[in-house]
């Protein structure tokens, strides 16, 4: 367990955060007396819902799949339009 003074609490906040994130606790000292203990809160474990996950994956799929042979034609047309706009 770590000890920290009230002054160090203000100046060493990054170290305090790191200690708490690693699950450690810190005792706070003020005027040579331990006045409290800072402990991390337990993080709640969320249950995994496979149905929601599959619905989310389904939402990520494109609505319309472009055949592989047409991709080159569409990409070439897109590039030609893009380049013709920059030349003008």
C-alpha atoms as a PDB file:
ATOM      1  CA  UNK A   1       0.000   0.000   0.000  1.00  0.00           C
ATOM      2  CA  UNK A   2       1.311   3.421  -0.922  1.00  0.00           C
ATOM      3  CA  UNK A   3       1.295   6.545   1.208  1.00  0.00           C
ATOM      4  CA  UNK A   4       0.847  10.006  -0.272  1.00  0.00           C
ATOM      5  CA  UNK A   5       0.568  13.472   1.255  1.00  0.00           C
ATOM      6  CA  UNK A   6      -2.077  16.017   0.306  1.00  0.00           C
ATOM      7  CA  UNK A   7       0.548  18.085  -1.525  1.00  0.00           C
ATOM      8  CA  UNK A   8       1.769  15.080  -3.507  1.00  0.00           C
ATOM      9  CA  UNK A   9      -1.841  14.283  -4.353  1.00  0.00           C
ATOM     10  CA  UNK A  10      -1.957  17.501  -6.376  1.00  0.00           C
ATOM     11  CA  UNK A  11       1.478  17.155  -7.955  1.00  0.00           C
ATOM     12  CA  UNK A  12       1.595  13.419  -8.685  1.00  0.00           C
ATOM     13  CA  UNK A  13      -1.869  12.786 -10.079  1.00  0.00           C
ATOM     14  CA  UNK A  14      -0.584  10.656 -12.959  1.00  0.00           C
ATOM     15  CA  UNK A  15       1.123   8.263 -10.522  1.00  0.00           C
ATOM     16  CA  UNK A  16      -2.044   8.088  -8.401  1.00  0.00           C
ATOM     17  CA  UNK A  17      -4.143   7.297 -11.481  1.00  0.00           C
ATOM     18  CA  UNK A  18      -1.702   4.605 -12.592  1.00  0.00           C
ATOM     19  CA  UNK A  19      -1.726   2.987  -9.141  1.00  0.00           C
ATOM     20  CA  UNK A  20      -5.523   2.970  -8.993  1.00  0.00           C
ATOM     21  CA  UNK A  21      -5.832   1.577 -12.535  1.00  0.00           C
ATOM     22  CA  UNK A  22      -3.514  -1.270 -11.556  1.00  0.00           C
ATOM     23  CA  UNK A  23      -5.778  -2.104  -8.616  1.00  0.00           C
ATOM     24  CA  UNK A  24      -3.634  -0.637  -5.846  1.00  0.00           C
ATOM     25  CA  UNK A  25      -4.836   1.527  -2.997  1.00  0.00           C
ATOM     26  CA  UNK A  26      -3.296   4.658  -1.501  1.00  0.00           C
ATOM     27  CA  UNK A  27      -3.405   6.048   2.036  1.00  0.00           C
ATOM     28  CA  UNK A  28      -3.720   9.815   2.257  1.00  0.00           C
ATOM     29  CA  UNK A  29      -1.590  11.580   4.897  1.00  0.00           C
ATOM     30  CA  UNK A  30      -2.354  15.119   6.097  1.00  0.00           C
ATOM     31  CA  UNK A  31      -0.313  16.768   8.861  1.00  0.00           C
ATOM     32  CA  UNK A  32       1.388  13.460   9.766  1.00  0.00           C
ATOM     33  CA  UNK A  33      -1.914  11.611  10.194  1.00  0.00           C
ATOM     34  CA  UNK A  34      -3.530   9.066   7.941  1.00  0.00           C
ATOM     35  CA  UNK A  35      -6.899  10.620   7.144  1.00  0.00           C
ATOM     36  CA  UNK A  36      -8.213   8.241   4.540  1.00  0.00           C
ATOM     37  CA  UNK A  37      -7.658   5.549   1.991  1.00  0.00           C
ATOM     38  CA  UNK A  38      -8.207   5.863  -1.753  1.00  0.00           C
ATOM     39  CA  UNK A  39      -9.209   2.575  -3.370  1.00  0.00           C
ATOM     40  CA  UNK A  40     -10.269   1.839  -6.941  1.00  0.00           C
ATOM     41  CA  UNK A  41     -13.896   1.030  -7.639  1.00  0.00           C
ATOM     42  CA  UNK A  42     -14.510  -2.481  -8.926  1.00  0.00           C
ATOM     43  CA  UNK A  43     -15.422  -2.453 -12.584  1.00  0.00           C
ATOM     44  CA  UNK A  44     -18.684  -4.251 -13.306  1.00  0.00           C
ATOM     45  CA  UNK A  45     -18.438  -7.227 -15.637  1.00  0.00           C
ATOM     46  CA  UNK A  46     -20.824  -6.871 -18.537  1.00  0.00           C
ATOM     47  CA  UNK A  47     -22.328 -10.111 -19.804  1.00  0.00           C
ATOM     48  CA  UNK A  48     -21.674 -10.887 -23.462  1.00  0.00           C
ATOM     49  CA  UNK A  49     -24.856 -10.938 -25.528  1.00  0.00           C
ATOM     50  CA  UNK A  50     -24.163 -12.860 -28.724  1.00  0.00           C
ATOM     51  CA  UNK A  51     -27.499 -11.939 -30.310  1.00  0.00           C
ATOM     52  CA  UNK A  52     -26.791  -8.202 -30.057  1.00  0.00           C
ATOM     53  CA  UNK A  53     -23.299  -8.794 -31.410  1.00  0.00           C
ATOM     54  CA  UNK A  54     -24.624 -10.670 -34.436  1.00  0.00           C
ATOM     55  CA  UNK A  55     -27.183  -7.922 -35.085  1.00  0.00           C
ATOM     56  CA  UNK A  56     -24.424  -5.329 -34.975  1.00  0.00           C
ATOM     57  CA  UNK A  57     -22.351  -7.351 -37.446  1.00  0.00           C
ATOM     58  CA  UNK A  58     -25.330  -7.665 -39.740  1.00  0.00           C
ATOM     59  CA  UNK A  59     -25.720  -3.889 -39.663  1.00  0.00           C
ATOM     60  CA  UNK A  60     -22.103  -3.434 -40.756  1.00  0.00           C
ATOM     61  CA  UNK A  61     -22.468  -5.503 -43.904  1.00  0.00           C
ATOM     62  CA  UNK A  62     -23.023  -3.498 -47.080  1.00  0.00           C
ATOM     63  CA  UNK A  63     -26.569  -3.528 -48.426  1.00  0.00           C
ATOM     64  CA  UNK A  64     -25.492  -4.303 -51.956  1.00  0.00           C
ATOM     65  CA  UNK A  65     -22.437  -6.355 -52.850  1.00  0.00           C
ATOM     66  CA  UNK A  66     -20.619  -5.350 -56.032  1.00  0.00           C
ATOM     67  CA  UNK A  67     -19.385  -8.243 -58.172  1.00  0.00           C
ATOM     68  CA  UNK A  68     -15.612  -8.479 -58.416  1.00  0.00           C
ATOM     69  CA  UNK A  69     -15.554  -8.015 -62.197  1.00  0.00           C
ATOM     70  CA  UNK A  70     -17.543  -4.755 -61.942  1.00  0.00           C
ATOM     71  CA  UNK A  71     -15.375  -3.228 -59.230  1.00  0.00           C
ATOM     72  CA  UNK A  72     -12.627  -2.246 -61.662  1.00  0.00           C
ATOM     73  CA  UNK A  73     -15.122  -0.525 -63.977  1.00  0.00           C
ATOM     74  CA  UNK A  74     -16.733   1.412 -61.136  1.00  0.00           C
ATOM     75  CA  UNK A  75     -13.384   2.417 -59.641  1.00  0.00           C
ATOM     76  CA  UNK A  76     -12.023   3.538 -63.024  1.00  0.00           C
ATOM     77  CA  UNK A  77     -15.171   5.622 -63.649  1.00  0.00           C
ATOM     78  CA  UNK A  78     -14.844   7.199 -60.199  1.00  0.00           C
ATOM     79  CA  UNK A  79     -11.192   8.121 -60.800  1.00  0.00           C
ATOM     80  CA  UNK A  80     -11.979   9.613 -64.214  1.00  0.00           C
ATOM     81  CA  UNK A  81     -14.715  11.791 -62.710  1.00  0.00           C
ATOM     82  CA  UNK A  82     -12.462  12.851 -59.860  1.00  0.00           C
ATOM     83  CA  UNK A  83      -9.562  13.757 -62.157  1.00  0.00           C
ATOM     84  CA  UNK A  84     -11.781  15.599 -64.623  1.00  0.00           C
ATOM     85  CA  UNK A  85     -13.110  17.772 -61.783  1.00  0.00           C
ATOM     86  CA  UNK A  86      -9.608  18.716 -60.615  1.00  0.00           C
ATOM     87  CA  UNK A  87      -8.473  19.699 -64.146  1.00  0.00           C
ATOM     88  CA  UNK A  88     -11.311  22.172 -64.617  1.00  0.00           C
END
